[in-house]
Amino acid sequence: MVPKFLPDDLSIEDLIMYLPKDSYKIRLRGTHKRNAYRDIKAVEADREGRLIIKVGRNSLYNALPEYLFHPINRYDSIPAAERKERYQEEHCKQEKEKEDAYAFFAAFDNFLLSIKTEVKKDLYKYVSENTVLQNIIGDSISPGQLANPFIKRTIPFLPKCKSIRGNRTLLKLMIQKVLREENVAVEIHSCNHLFSDSDIRYRDTLDSTLDDIYLGDGYEDVITIYDLHFWSDESCDANFAKFIDTIEEFRQFIQDYFISMEEVIRFNIVKDEPPLIISDESTYNYLNYNTNI
């Protein structure tokens, strides 16, 4: 039987990739006539505690001509009078021949499967991190940008740039994750902002014709503000200017890959003030008298 915890689309390579080599046996049992079928048909245990994994794939036996293992006219030579008794007997013989053939080719089948597993294991790191898509989408990233620690942490999100672009929630989560991984505290909040056209190009009076009437020169929209609580008076040294350039380069990278052309992203660098601590109890000594306030 197939354990309930195994997903329907789990391949045998993905399963044995995490199993010790001596803890399982593979038994290929041929493909099903339908395409939508589990790769792993059943998982059982033998007396020694090793897993017996039955896989719905063809063996080398299935690829070779049938006459190499079984008589082609096995059932045709059965006399009509003996068909009822002999048919079951010949069927058992054929099943025994099939089991012997599977056992003979098992070593070769397992060897080919081990090669596929090793190849998939080597390719898994590229597929799991979408490295190929990262290189394609980020083909124009300069060496200077690659040296930027914030951009370096954002590159793995490039394959999802289409989903993130236009989704403020995903964008906030990504930026928040990248900044916090670089030990930059960020405070994200939203507010309503009135955008207005400083250079009105249309008349907005009622005595105009319909062709040149423009009602209003502004609109209200919700904007997201990113306050970076990073710098303080003690750490505001010569590296502050470099930090400003690094953040600006990171902002431009986000703008190019994750922001639509109609929108603009800005970061506010907020001075990180030390907390003000007021003691609940202060002791003063005045003229040799202790006074608790």
Foldseek 3Di string as FASTA:
>chain_A
DADPPDDQADAPLNVCLPPPPPQEAEFEDEADPDPSGGQFDDWDADPVGHIYTYGHHDFVCVVDDPVVQDPPCLLVPDDPVCNVPVVVVSVVVSVVSVVVVRVVRRVVRVVVSVVVSVVCVVCVVCVVLVVVQLCVQCVPPDPVLCPQQLSVQCSSCLVVLVVLEPPVVSVVVSNCVSCVVVVWDKDKDKDKDKDFDPDDPADCDPVDDPVGHDPGGIDIDMDMAIETADAEPVPPDPCPVVVVVSVVSSLVVCCVRRYDPVDHDDYHYDHNDDDDDDDPWDWDADPNDIDID
